[in-house]
Amino acid sequence: MGIVQDRVAVVTGGGRGIGRAICLLLAEEGAKVVVNDPGVAVDGTGFDQRPADEVVEEIRRRGGVAVASYDSVATMEGGERIIKTALDNFGRIDILVCCAGILRDRMIFNMTEEEWDEVIRVHLKGHFTVMKPASVLMRQQRYGRIITFSSSSGLIGNTGQANYGAAKAAIAGLTRVAALDLGRYGVTVNCIAPSANTRMTATIPDRARQIREQMGLARPRFEMSREPEDVAPMVVYLASEEAGWINGQIFYVGGGIVARAQEERPVRHMWKPERWTVHEIAGLIRSQLFDPTFVSPGLPRPEAQPAPQQAQPSQTQA
């Protein structure tokens, strides 16, 4: 018996990369899977049924149960049809995994309104369009597992991804609020910030990576050079009945690393019984709220100071 035996799962963006790996593992662990993917390019253009169809065929060859869905998450009508696919084929929905996404990277001063809107629409609205109808059904049946997808670009920050990072940060907030809304009904909502080599990460030029390293914005070492299949096991665990005690949490997952993220809480504070003045804040903020070694990301790095030369011992002649 698999850990999600006979559960019904919907995976958006299931035709490639991390979504594909999740679909295959869910099916291997006994779930009936709706593989949703309209087969668009990385920037969201185009349409191709083959990615979803190929995953469905692979699941069936392995003895699993799956159907394809080609609707876009970017509209409410599309999201509702995706969830309806699960109902029409399997009679219910137990698991929703939101992997669908696109990239339109640009520095904030060059980004167009269309580039902003399209990424927000697919990522952030694309979570809501399927979470809303799924949550209605899960609340009625008093059971459900929703796994959202954020990113270190939103939780930590990344150059050239204002649209993507904004959407992913908002998804983290959506996760925490939805978890509070749904937890009392036996429905959990948790979030993955994945690290894996996919079509999307392959679009980042080497020059951009070098600039990020020079600015001190490179990813932590454990997030590099990972495969999509490394992310799937944590997702499938969170989708299981066994994980019912976990709700509203965010996990970094990549390679051999599974890490629970720290919530945004006050870490240092300064206090006085009356209102602060600007000059008081200016005089105390560096020492009270920041570590002495703190350097803000994105600002020029301080120049390394040459080590002081040690005085050489004097030489005496015999």
C-alpha atoms as a PDB file:
ATOM      1  CA  MET A   1       0.000   0.000   0.000  1.00  0.00           C
ATOM      2  CA  GLY A   2       1.340   3.401  -0.959  1.00  0.00           C
ATOM      3  CA  ILE A   3       1.330   6.366   1.391  1.00  0.00           C
ATOM      4  CA  VAL A   4      -1.424   8.051  -0.700  1.00  0.00           C
ATOM      5  CA  GLN A   5      -3.213   4.882  -1.805  1.00  0.00           C
ATOM      6  CA  ASP A   6      -6.478   5.573  -3.674  1.00  0.00           C
ATOM      7  CA  ARG A   7      -6.323   9.317  -3.009  1.00  0.00           C
ATOM      8  CA  VAL A   8      -7.162  11.654  -5.906  1.00  0.00           C
ATOM      9  CA  ALA A   9      -4.502  14.234  -6.724  1.00  0.00           C
ATOM     10  CA  VAL A  10      -4.398  17.233  -9.061  1.00  0.00           C
ATOM     11  CA  VAL A  11      -0.970  18.569 -10.046  1.00  0.00           C
ATOM     12  CA  THR A  12      -0.793  21.810 -12.022  1.00  0.00           C
ATOM     13  CA  GLY A  13       2.276  22.174 -14.198  1.00  0.00           C
ATOM     14  CA  GLY A  14       2.555  18.396 -14.072  1.00  0.00           C
ATOM     15  CA  GLY A  15       3.922  17.842 -17.562  1.00  0.00           C
ATOM     16  CA  ARG A  16       7.549  18.768 -16.977  1.00  0.00           C
ATOM     17  CA  GLY A  17      10.228  19.242 -14.349  1.00  0.00           C
ATOM     18  CA  ILE A  18       9.235  19.155 -10.693  1.00  0.00           C
ATOM     19  CA  GLY A  19       5.541  18.726 -11.488  1.00  0.00           C
ATOM     20  CA  ARG A  20       6.243  15.673 -13.624  1.00  0.00           C
ATOM     21  CA  ALA A  21       8.376  14.104 -10.886  1.00  0.00           C
ATOM     22  CA  ILE A  22       5.581  14.696  -8.355  1.00  0.00           C
ATOM     23  CA  CYS A  23       2.945  13.140 -10.626  1.00  0.00           C
ATOM     24  CA  LEU A  24       5.044  10.015 -11.137  1.00  0.00           C
ATOM     25  CA  LEU A  25       5.756   9.568  -7.426  1.00  0.00           C
ATOM     26  CA  LEU A  26       2.146  10.217  -6.403  1.00  0.00           C
ATOM     27  CA  ALA A  27       1.043   7.519  -8.840  1.00  0.00           C
ATOM     28  CA  GLU A  28       3.761   5.164  -7.615  1.00  0.00           C
ATOM     29  CA  GLU A  29       2.451   5.678  -4.072  1.00  0.00           C
ATOM     30  CA  GLY A  30      -1.082   4.759  -5.121  1.00  0.00           C
ATOM     31  CA  ALA A  31      -2.785   8.048  -6.021  1.00  0.00           C
ATOM     32  CA  LYS A  32      -5.015   8.650  -9.014  1.00  0.00           C
ATOM     33  CA  VAL A  33      -3.531  11.676 -10.715  1.00  0.00           C
ATOM     34  CA  VAL A  34      -4.843  14.536 -12.843  1.00  0.00           C
ATOM     35  CA  VAL A  35      -1.812  15.773 -14.780  1.00  0.00           C
ATOM     36  CA  ASN A  36      -2.544  19.391 -15.657  1.00  0.00           C
ATOM     37  CA  ASP A  37      -0.305  21.174 -18.145  1.00  0.00           C
ATOM     38  CA  PRO A  38      -1.166  23.331 -21.175  1.00  0.00           C
ATOM     39  CA  GLY A  39       2.360  22.757 -22.495  1.00  0.00           C
ATOM     40  CA  VAL A  40       3.386  26.390 -22.750  1.00  0.00           C
ATOM     41  CA  ALA A  41       6.912  27.710 -23.219  1.00  0.00           C
ATOM     42  CA  VAL A  42       8.862  29.052 -20.241  1.00  0.00           C
ATOM     43  CA  ASP A  43       7.465  32.539 -20.902  1.00  0.00           C
ATOM     44  CA  GLY A  44       3.882  31.241 -20.970  1.00  0.00           C
ATOM     45  CA  THR A  45       3.322  31.354 -24.734  1.00  0.00           C
ATOM     46  CA  GLY A  46       2.103  28.521 -26.944  1.00  0.00           C
ATOM     47  CA  PHE A  47       0.105  25.358 -26.289  1.00  0.00           C
ATOM     48  CA  ASP A  48       1.019  21.688 -26.475  1.00  0.00           C
ATOM     49  CA  GLN A  49      -0.899  18.676 -25.149  1.00  0.00           C
ATOM     50  CA  ARG A  50       2.105  16.352 -25.390  1.00  0.00           C
ATOM     51  CA  PRO A  51       3.780  17.052 -22.003  1.00  0.00           C
ATOM     52  CA  ALA A  52       0.653  16.123 -20.031  1.00  0.00           C
ATOM     53  CA  ASP A  53      -0.157  13.201 -22.326  1.00  0.00           C
ATOM     54  CA  GLU A  54       3.358  11.780 -22.039  1.00  0.00           C
ATOM     55  CA  VAL A  55       3.247  11.818 -18.225  1.00  0.00           C
ATOM     56  CA  VAL A  56      -0.168  10.142 -18.245  1.00  0.00           C
ATOM     57  CA  GLU A  57       1.115   7.458 -20.616  1.00  0.00           C
ATOM     58  CA  GLU A  58       4.155   6.844 -18.434  1.00  0.00           C
ATOM     59  CA  ILE A  59       2.020   6.493 -15.312  1.00  0.00           C
ATOM     60  CA  ARG A  60      -0.278   4.033 -17.083  1.00  0.00           C
ATOM     61  CA  ARG A  61       2.673   1.993 -18.394  1.00  0.00           C
ATOM     62  CA  ARG A  62       3.795   1.618 -14.786  1.00  0.00           C
ATOM     63  CA  GLY A  63       0.354   0.362 -13.772  1.00  0.00           C
ATOM     64  CA  GLY A  64      -0.953   3.622 -12.325  1.00  0.00           C
ATOM     65  CA  VAL A  65      -4.076   5.662 -12.961  1.00  0.00           C
ATOM     66  CA  ALA A  66      -3.971   9.136 -14.515  1.00  0.00           C
ATOM     67  CA  VAL A  67      -5.795  11.521 -16.828  1.00  0.00           C
ATOM     68  CA  ALA A  68      -4.636  14.677 -18.579  1.00  0.00           C
ATOM     69  CA  SER A  69      -5.895  18.240 -18.242  1.00  0.00           C
ATOM     70  CA  TYR A  70      -4.803  21.056 -20.557  1.00  0.00           C
ATOM     71  CA  ASP A  71      -6.557  24.050 -18.995  1.00  0.00           C
ATOM     72  CA  SER A  72      -4.687  27.148 -17.856  1.00  0.00           C
ATOM     73  CA  VAL A  73      -4.582  28.128 -14.187  1.00  0.00           C
ATOM     74  CA  ALA A  74      -4.541  31.800 -15.205  1.00  0.00           C
ATOM     75  CA  THR A  75      -8.375  32.134 -15.232  1.00  0.00           C
ATOM     76  CA  MET A  76     -11.059  31.142 -12.756  1.00  0.00           C
ATOM     77  CA  GLU A  77     -12.822  29.172 -15.484  1.00  0.00           C
ATOM     78  CA  GLY A  78      -9.649  27.236 -16.218  1.00  0.00           C
ATOM     79  CA  GLY A  79      -9.010  26.509 -12.539  1.00  0.00           C
ATOM     80  CA  GLU A  80     -12.551  25.272 -12.018  1.00  0.00           C
ATOM     81  CA  ARG A  81     -12.298  22.988 -15.065  1.00  0.00           C
ATOM     82  CA  ILE A  82      -9.053  21.511 -13.721  1.00  0.00           C
ATOM     83  CA  ILE A  83     -10.722  20.560 -10.445  1.00  0.00           C
ATOM     84  CA  LYS A  84     -13.822  19.346 -12.305  1.00  0.00           C
ATOM     85  CA  THR A  85     -11.584  16.954 -14.248  1.00  0.00           C
ATOM     86  CA  ALA A  86     -10.824  15.189 -10.961  1.00  0.00           C
ATOM     87  CA  LEU A  87     -14.526  15.014 -10.058  1.00  0.00           C
ATOM     88  CA  ASP A  88     -15.623  13.802 -13.486  1.00  0.00           C
ATOM     89  CA  ASN A  89     -13.010  11.039 -13.609  1.00  0.00           C
ATOM     90  CA  PHE A  90     -12.546  10.020  -9.967  1.00  0.00           C
ATOM     91  CA  GLY A  91     -15.472  11.492  -8.022  1.00  0.00           C
ATOM     92  CA  ARG A  92     -13.469  13.599  -5.541  1.00  0.00           C
ATOM     93  CA  ILE A  93     -10.249  15.494  -4.886  1.00  0.00           C
ATOM     94  CA  ASP A  94      -7.964  14.837  -1.918  1.00  0.00           C
ATOM     95  CA  ILE A  95      -4.665  16.436  -2.945  1.00  0.00           C
ATOM     96  CA  LEU A  96      -3.846  19.633  -4.815  1.00  0.00           C
ATOM     97  CA  VAL A  97      -0.256  20.473  -5.801  1.00  0.00           C
ATOM     98  CA  CYS A  98       0.320  23.873  -7.448  1.00  0.00           C
ATOM     99  CA  CYS A  99       3.458  23.712  -9.601  1.00  0.00           C
ATOM    100  CA  ALA A 100       2.407  25.717 -12.661  1.00  0.00           C
ATOM    101  CA  GLY A 101       4.564  28.727 -13.424  1.00  0.00           C
ATOM    102  CA  ILE A 102       6.311  30.867 -16.021  1.00  0.00           C
ATOM    103  CA  LEU A 103       9.252  33.280 -16.096  1.00  0.00           C
ATOM    104  CA  ARG A 104       9.611  36.723 -17.623  1.00  0.00           C
ATOM    105  CA  ASP A 105      12.733  38.017 -15.939  1.00  0.00           C
ATOM    106  CA  ARG A 106      13.677  41.652 -16.218  1.00  0.00           C
ATOM    107  CA  MET A 107      15.284  44.250 -13.961  1.00  0.00           C
ATOM    108  CA  ILE A 108      12.600  46.329 -12.258  1.00  0.00           C
ATOM    109  CA  PHE A 109      13.526  49.477 -14.210  1.00  0.00           C
ATOM    110  CA  ASN A 110      13.053  47.627 -17.522  1.00  0.00           C
ATOM    111  CA  MET A 111      10.020  45.464 -16.701  1.00  0.00           C
ATOM    112  CA  THR A 112       6.845  46.019 -18.693  1.00  0.00           C
ATOM    113  CA  GLU A 113       3.325  45.966 -17.317  1.00  0.00           C
ATOM    114  CA  GLU A 114       2.594  42.857 -19.399  1.00  0.00           C
ATOM    115  CA  GLU A 115       5.614  41.021 -17.979  1.00  0.00           C
ATOM    116  CA  TRP A 116       4.472  41.897 -14.481  1.00  0.00           C
ATOM    117  CA  ASP A 117       0.822  40.956 -15.044  1.00  0.00           C
ATOM    118  CA  GLU A 118       1.448  37.648 -16.791  1.00  0.00           C
ATOM    119  CA  VAL A 119       3.762  36.265 -14.098  1.00  0.00           C
ATOM    120  CA  ILE A 120       1.463  37.386 -11.276  1.00  0.00           C
ATOM    121  CA  ARG A 121      -1.519  35.927 -13.136  1.00  0.00           C
ATOM    122  CA  VAL A 122      -0.005  32.479 -13.642  1.00  0.00           C
ATOM    123  CA  HIS A 123       1.773  32.107 -10.298  1.00  0.00           C
ATOM    124  CA  LEU A 124      -0.314  33.952  -7.710  1.00  0.00           C
ATOM    125  CA  LYS A 125      -3.753  34.016  -9.282  1.00  0.00           C
ATOM    126  CA  GLY A 126      -2.995  30.553 -10.671  1.00  0.00           C
ATOM    127  CA  HIS A 127      -2.800  29.252  -7.103  1.00  0.00           C
ATOM    128  CA  PHE A 128      -6.113  30.869  -6.164  1.00  0.00           C
ATOM    129  CA  THR A 129      -8.021  29.645  -9.232  1.00  0.00           C
ATOM    130  CA  VAL A 130      -7.527  26.008  -8.236  1.00  0.00           C
ATOM    131  CA  MET A 131      -7.316  26.414  -4.450  1.00  0.00           C
ATOM    132  CA  LYS A 132     -10.735  28.089  -4.274  1.00  0.00           C
ATOM    133  CA  PRO A 133     -12.808  25.307  -5.904  1.00  0.00           C
ATOM    134  CA  ALA A 134     -10.658  22.577  -4.343  1.00  0.00           C
ATOM    135  CA  SER A 135     -11.038  24.049  -0.851  1.00  0.00           C
ATOM    136  CA  VAL A 136     -14.840  24.138  -1.187  1.00  0.00           C
ATOM    137  CA  LEU A 137     -14.870  20.389  -1.845  1.00  0.00           C
ATOM    138  CA  MET A 138     -12.202  19.552   0.734  1.00  0.00           C
ATOM    139  CA  ARG A 139     -14.056  21.509   3.412  1.00  0.00           C
ATOM    140  CA  GLN A 140     -17.261  19.605   2.651  1.00  0.00           C
ATOM    141  CA  GLN A 141     -15.546  16.223   2.879  1.00  0.00           C
ATOM    142  CA  ARG A 142     -13.503  17.311   5.949  1.00  0.00           C
ATOM    143  CA  TYR A 143     -10.227  16.198   4.387  1.00  0.00           C
ATOM    144  CA  GLY A 144      -7.640  17.582   2.031  1.00  0.00           C
ATOM    145  CA  ARG A 145      -3.982  18.315   1.381  1.00  0.00           C
ATOM    146  CA  ILE A 146      -2.869  21.433  -0.507  1.00  0.00           C
ATOM    147  CA  ILE A 147       0.804  21.975  -1.361  1.00  0.00           C
ATOM    148  CA  THR A 148       1.738  25.371  -2.755  1.00  0.00           C
ATOM    149  CA  PHE A 149       5.003  26.399  -4.407  1.00  0.00           C
ATOM    150  CA  SER A 150       6.969  29.465  -3.396  1.00  0.00           C
ATOM    151  CA  SER A 151      10.652  30.188  -4.108  1.00  0.00           C
ATOM    152  CA  SER A 152      13.751  31.566  -2.462  1.00  0.00           C
ATOM    153  CA  SER A 153      13.383  34.397  -5.001  1.00  0.00           C
ATOM    154  CA  GLY A 154      10.353  35.539  -3.023  1.00  0.00           C
ATOM    155  CA  LEU A 155      11.416  34.467   0.458  1.00  0.00           C
ATOM    156  CA  ILE A 156      15.001  35.767   0.213  1.00  0.00           C
ATOM    157  CA  GLY A 157      15.158  37.788  -3.012  1.00  0.00           C
ATOM    158  CA  ASN A 158      16.790  37.521  -6.411  1.00  0.00           C
ATOM    159  CA  THR A 159      17.896  40.078  -8.974  1.00  0.00           C
ATOM    160  CA  GLY A 160      15.822  40.546 -12.098  1.00  0.00           C
ATOM    161  CA  GLN A 161      12.755  38.729 -10.744  1.00  0.00           C
ATOM    162  CA  ALA A 162      10.514  41.415  -9.243  1.00  0.00           C
ATOM    163  CA  ASN A 163       7.383  39.880 -10.776  1.00  0.00           C
ATOM    164  CA  TYR A 164       8.288  36.290  -9.943  1.00  0.00           C
ATOM    165  CA  GLY A 165       9.590  37.125  -6.465  1.00  0.00           C
ATOM    166  CA  ALA A 166       6.513  39.200  -5.625  1.00  0.00           C
ATOM    167  CA  ALA A 167       4.237  36.338  -6.673  1.00  0.00           C
ATOM    168  CA  LYS A 168       6.228  33.762  -4.730  1.00  0.00           C
ATOM    169  CA  ALA A 169       6.340  35.891  -1.579  1.00  0.00           C
ATOM    170  CA  ALA A 170       2.585  36.361  -1.845  1.00  0.00           C
ATOM    171  CA  ILE A 171       2.115  32.602  -2.219  1.00  0.00           C
ATOM    172  CA  ALA A 172       3.889  32.130   1.111  1.00  0.00           C
ATOM    173  CA  GLY A 173       1.400  34.530   2.687  1.00  0.00           C
ATOM    174  CA  LEU A 174      -1.493  32.815   0.927  1.00  0.00           C
ATOM    175  CA  THR A 175      -0.300  29.494   2.336  1.00  0.00           C
ATOM    176  CA  ARG A 176      -0.260  30.716   5.927  1.00  0.00           C
ATOM    177  CA  VAL A 177      -3.685  32.354   5.688  1.00  0.00           C
ATOM    178  CA  ALA A 178      -5.327  29.426   3.875  1.00  0.00           C
ATOM    179  CA  ALA A 179      -3.861  27.076   6.490  1.00  0.00           C
ATOM    180  CA  LEU A 180      -5.632  29.076   9.207  1.00  0.00           C
ATOM    181  CA  ASP A 181      -8.872  29.124   7.220  1.00  0.00           C
ATOM    182  CA  LEU A 182      -8.924  25.401   6.446  1.00  0.00           C
ATOM    183  CA  GLY A 183      -7.117  23.620   9.270  1.00  0.00           C
ATOM    184  CA  ARG A 184     -10.247  23.242  11.395  1.00  0.00           C
ATOM    185  CA  TYR A 185     -11.844  21.247   8.567  1.00  0.00           C
ATOM    186  CA  GLY A 186      -9.104  18.638   8.302  1.00  0.00           C
ATOM    187  CA  VAL A 187      -7.457  20.382   5.346  1.00  0.00           C
ATOM    188  CA  THR A 188      -3.761  21.264   5.564  1.00  0.00           C
ATOM    189  CA  VAL A 189      -1.929  23.815   3.432  1.00  0.00           C
ATOM    190  CA  ASN A 190       1.870  23.743   3.256  1.00  0.00           C
ATOM    191  CA  CYS A 191       4.440  25.244   0.935  1.00  0.00           C
ATOM    192  CA  ILE A 192       7.602  24.125  -0.856  1.00  0.00           C
ATOM    193  CA  ALA A 193      10.447  26.416  -1.935  1.00  0.00           C
ATOM    194  CA  PRO A 194      12.228  24.027  -4.297  1.00  0.00           C
ATOM    195  CA  SER A 195      15.722  23.919  -5.721  1.00  0.00           C
ATOM    196  CA  ALA A 196      16.207  21.874  -8.872  1.00  0.00           C
ATOM    197  CA  ASN A 197      17.628  21.980 -12.361  1.00  0.00           C
ATOM    198  CA  THR A 198      14.636  22.593 -14.642  1.00  0.00           C
ATOM    199  CA  ARG A 199      13.713  24.393 -17.870  1.00  0.00           C
ATOM    200  CA  MET A 200      13.149  27.544 -15.841  1.00  0.00           C
ATOM    201  CA  THR A 201      16.510  27.576 -14.062  1.00  0.00           C
ATOM    202  CA  ALA A 202      18.243  26.787 -17.355  1.00  0.00           C
ATOM    203  CA  THR A 203      17.124  30.181 -18.706  1.00  0.00           C
ATOM    204  CA  ILE A 204      19.331  32.077 -16.223  1.00  0.00           C
ATOM    205  CA  PRO A 205      22.488  33.188 -18.088  1.00  0.00           C
ATOM    206  CA  ASP A 206      25.906  32.389 -16.623  1.00  0.00           C
ATOM    207  CA  ARG A 207      26.687  36.124 -16.618  1.00  0.00           C
ATOM    208  CA  ALA A 208      23.688  36.761 -14.340  1.00  0.00           C
ATOM    209  CA  ARG A 209      24.919  34.060 -11.959  1.00  0.00           C
ATOM    210  CA  GLN A 210      28.365  35.683 -11.864  1.00  0.00           C
ATOM    211  CA  ILE A 211      26.890  39.112 -11.089  1.00  0.00           C
ATOM    212  CA  ARG A 212      24.836  37.657  -8.240  1.00  0.00           C
ATOM    213  CA  GLU A 213      27.926  36.041  -6.772  1.00  0.00           C
ATOM    214  CA  GLN A 214      29.859  39.314  -7.002  1.00  0.00           C
ATOM    215  CA  MET A 215      27.037  41.165  -5.234  1.00  0.00           C
ATOM    216  CA  GLY A 216      26.793  38.575  -2.482  1.00  0.00           C
ATOM    217  CA  LEU A 217      23.422  37.370  -3.776  1.00  0.00           C
ATOM    218  CA  ALA A 218      24.372  33.823  -4.742  1.00  0.00           C
ATOM    219  CA  ARG A 219      22.196  30.983  -3.527  1.00  0.00           C
ATOM    220  CA  PRO A 220      23.315  28.959  -0.514  1.00  0.00           C
ATOM    221  CA  ARG A 221      25.414  25.971  -1.564  1.00  0.00           C
ATOM    222  CA  PHE A 222      22.832  23.374  -0.587  1.00  0.00           C
ATOM    223  CA  GLU A 223      20.358  24.824  -3.106  1.00  0.00           C
ATOM    224  CA  MET A 224      22.565  24.278  -6.152  1.00  0.00           C
ATOM    225  CA  SER A 225      22.712  21.471  -8.717  1.00  0.00           C
ATOM    226  CA  ARG A 226      19.670  19.442  -7.706  1.00  0.00           C
ATOM    227  CA  GLU A 227      17.245  17.316  -9.723  1.00  0.00           C
ATOM    228  CA  PRO A 228      13.424  17.612  -9.904  1.00  0.00           C
ATOM    229  CA  GLU A 229      13.039  14.096  -8.495  1.00  0.00           C
ATOM    230  CA  ASP A 230      14.713  15.270  -5.267  1.00  0.00           C
ATOM    231  CA  VAL A 231      11.750  17.548  -4.483  1.00  0.00           C
ATOM    232  CA  ALA A 232       8.952  15.007  -5.009  1.00  0.00           C
ATOM    233  CA  PRO A 233       9.287  12.864  -1.840  1.00  0.00           C
ATOM    234  CA  MET A 234       8.635  15.773   0.547  1.00  0.00           C
ATOM    235  CA  VAL A 235       5.652  16.866  -1.518  1.00  0.00           C
ATOM    236  CA  VAL A 236       4.160  13.367  -1.488  1.00  0.00           C
ATOM    237  CA  TYR A 237       4.713  13.085   2.260  1.00  0.00           C
ATOM    238  CA  LEU A 238       2.887  16.388   2.867  1.00  0.00           C
ATOM    239  CA  ALA A 239       0.106  15.055   0.613  1.00  0.00           C
ATOM    240  CA  SER A 240      -0.361  11.996   2.816  1.00  0.00           C
ATOM    241  CA  GLU A 241      -2.712  11.373   5.719  1.00  0.00           C
ATOM    242  CA  GLU A 242       0.343  10.883   7.944  1.00  0.00           C
ATOM    243  CA  ALA A 243       1.288  14.560   7.535  1.00  0.00           C
ATOM    244  CA  GLY A 244      -1.983  15.840   9.011  1.00  0.00           C
ATOM    245  CA  TRP A 245      -0.126  17.369  11.972  1.00  0.00           C
ATOM    246  CA  ILE A 246       1.780  19.824   9.718  1.00  0.00           C
ATOM    247  CA  ASN A 247      -0.040  22.983   8.602  1.00  0.00           C
ATOM    248  CA  GLY A 248       0.953  26.444   7.390  1.00  0.00           C
ATOM    249  CA  GLN A 249       4.650  25.612   7.058  1.00  0.00           C
ATOM    250  CA  ILE A 250       7.217  26.455   4.393  1.00  0.00           C
ATOM    251  CA  PHE A 251      10.021  24.053   3.497  1.00  0.00           C
ATOM    252  CA  TYR A 252      13.157  24.532   1.414  1.00  0.00           C
ATOM    253  CA  VAL A 253      13.707  21.282  -0.496  1.00  0.00           C
ATOM    254  CA  GLY A 254      16.572  20.403  -2.836  1.00  0.00           C
ATOM    255  CA  GLY A 255      18.911  17.465  -3.207  1.00  0.00           C
ATOM    256  CA  GLY A 256      19.439  15.858   0.188  1.00  0.00           C
ATOM    257  CA  ILE A 257      18.172  18.929   2.063  1.00  0.00           C
ATOM    258  CA  VAL A 258      14.746  19.384   3.655  1.00  0.00           C
ATOM    259  CA  ALA A 259      14.703  22.552   5.761  1.00  0.00           C
ATOM    260  CA  ARG A 260      11.840  24.220   7.614  1.00  0.00           C
ATOM    261  CA  ALA A 261      11.809  27.972   6.960  1.00  0.00           C
ATOM    262  CA  GLN A 262      11.840  30.539   9.737  1.00  0.00           C
ATOM    263  CA  GLU A 263       8.718  32.662   9.910  1.00  0.00           C
ATOM    264  CA  GLU A 264       9.142  36.425   9.624  1.00  0.00           C
ATOM    265  CA  ARG A 265       9.265  37.369  13.300  1.00  0.00           C
ATOM    266  CA  PRO A 266      11.021  40.210  15.140  1.00  0.00           C
ATOM    267  CA  VAL A 267      14.598  39.130  15.889  1.00  0.00           C
ATOM    268  CA  ARG A 268      15.992  42.275  17.510  1.00  0.00           C
ATOM    269  CA  HIS A 269      14.192  45.303  18.875  1.00  0.00           C
ATOM    270  CA  MET A 270      14.713  48.614  20.621  1.00  0.00           C
ATOM    271  CA  TRP A 271      12.027  50.094  22.853  1.00  0.00           C
ATOM    272  CA  LYS A 272      11.163  53.235  24.785  1.00  0.00           C
ATOM    273  CA  PRO A 273       7.896  54.206  26.493  1.00  0.00           C
ATOM    274  CA  GLU A 274       7.385  57.246  24.239  1.00  0.00           C
ATOM    275  CA  ARG A 275       7.515  57.866  20.495  1.00  0.00           C
ATOM    276  CA  TRP A 276      10.955  57.682  18.920  1.00  0.00           C
ATOM    277  CA  THR A 277      12.472  60.728  17.260  1.00  0.00           C
ATOM    278  CA  VAL A 278      14.237  60.474  13.918  1.00  0.00           C
ATOM    279  CA  HIS A 279      17.556  61.438  15.509  1.00  0.00           C
ATOM    280  CA  GLU A 280      17.211  58.847  18.263  1.00  0.00           C
ATOM    281  CA  ILE A 281      16.593  56.131  15.662  1.00  0.00           C
ATOM    282  CA  ALA A 282      19.557  57.329  13.606  1.00  0.00           C
ATOM    283  CA  GLY A 283      21.820  57.143  16.641  1.00  0.00           C
ATOM    284  CA  LEU A 284      20.807  53.663  17.813  1.00  0.00           C
ATOM    285  CA  ILE A 285      19.509  51.585  14.896  1.00  0.00           C
ATOM    286  CA  ARG A 286      22.887  50.254  13.751  1.00  0.00           C
ATOM    287  CA  SER A 287      23.964  49.018  17.180  1.00  0.00           C
ATOM    288  CA  GLN A 288      20.558  47.862  18.413  1.00  0.00           C
ATOM    289  CA  LEU A 289      19.008  46.125  15.392  1.00  0.00           C
ATOM    290  CA  PHE A 290      21.968  44.938  13.329  1.00  0.00           C
ATOM    291  CA  ASP A 291      24.941  42.671  13.827  1.00  0.00           C
ATOM    292  CA  PRO A 292      28.293  44.476  13.481  1.00  0.00           C
ATOM    293  CA  THR A 293      29.101  42.462  10.342  1.00  0.00           C
ATOM    294  CA  PHE A 294      25.781  43.242   8.612  1.00  0.00           C
ATOM    295  CA  VAL A 295      25.895  44.350   4.960  1.00  0.00           C
ATOM    296  CA  SER A 296      22.629  44.972   3.098  1.00  0.00           C
ATOM    297  CA  PRO A 297      22.122  42.784   0.007  1.00  0.00           C
ATOM    298  CA  GLY A 298      22.433  44.566  -3.312  1.00  0.00           C
ATOM    299  CA  LEU A 299      24.626  47.398  -2.061  1.00  0.00           C
ATOM    300  CA  PRO A 300      28.286  47.603  -3.055  1.00  0.00           C
ATOM    301  CA  ARG A 301      30.372  45.285  -0.931  1.00  0.00           C
ATOM    302  CA  PRO A 302      32.827  47.005   1.414  1.00  0.00           C
ATOM    303  CA  GLU A 303      36.342  47.047   0.070  1.00  0.00           C
ATOM    304  CA  ALA A 304      38.621  44.559   1.761  1.00  0.00           C
ATOM    305  CA  GLN A 305      41.160  46.381   3.844  1.00  0.00           C
ATOM    306  CA  PRO A 306      44.765  45.191   3.506  1.00  0.00           C
ATOM    307  CA  ALA A 307      46.073  43.462   6.586  1.00  0.00           C
ATOM    308  CA  PRO A 308      48.419  45.673   8.611  1.00  0.00           C
ATOM    309  CA  GLN A 309      52.029  44.786   8.076  1.00  0.00           C
ATOM    310  CA  GLN A 310      53.841  43.462  11.079  1.00  0.00           C
ATOM    311  CA  ALA A 311      57.055  45.197  12.089  1.00  0.00           C
ATOM    312  CA  GLN A 312      60.097  43.168  11.158  1.00  0.00           C
ATOM    313  CA  PRO A 313      62.635  42.467  13.915  1.00  0.00           C
ATOM    314  CA  SER A 314      65.699  44.670  13.597  1.00  0.00           C
ATOM    315  CA  GLN A 315      68.870  43.068  12.335  1.00  0.00           C
ATOM    316  CA  THR A 316      72.056  43.627  14.345  1.00  0.00           C
ATOM    317  CA  GLN A 317      75.477  43.116  12.961  1.00  0.00           C
ATOM    318  CA  ALA A 318      77.908  40.961  14.820  1.00  0.00           C
END
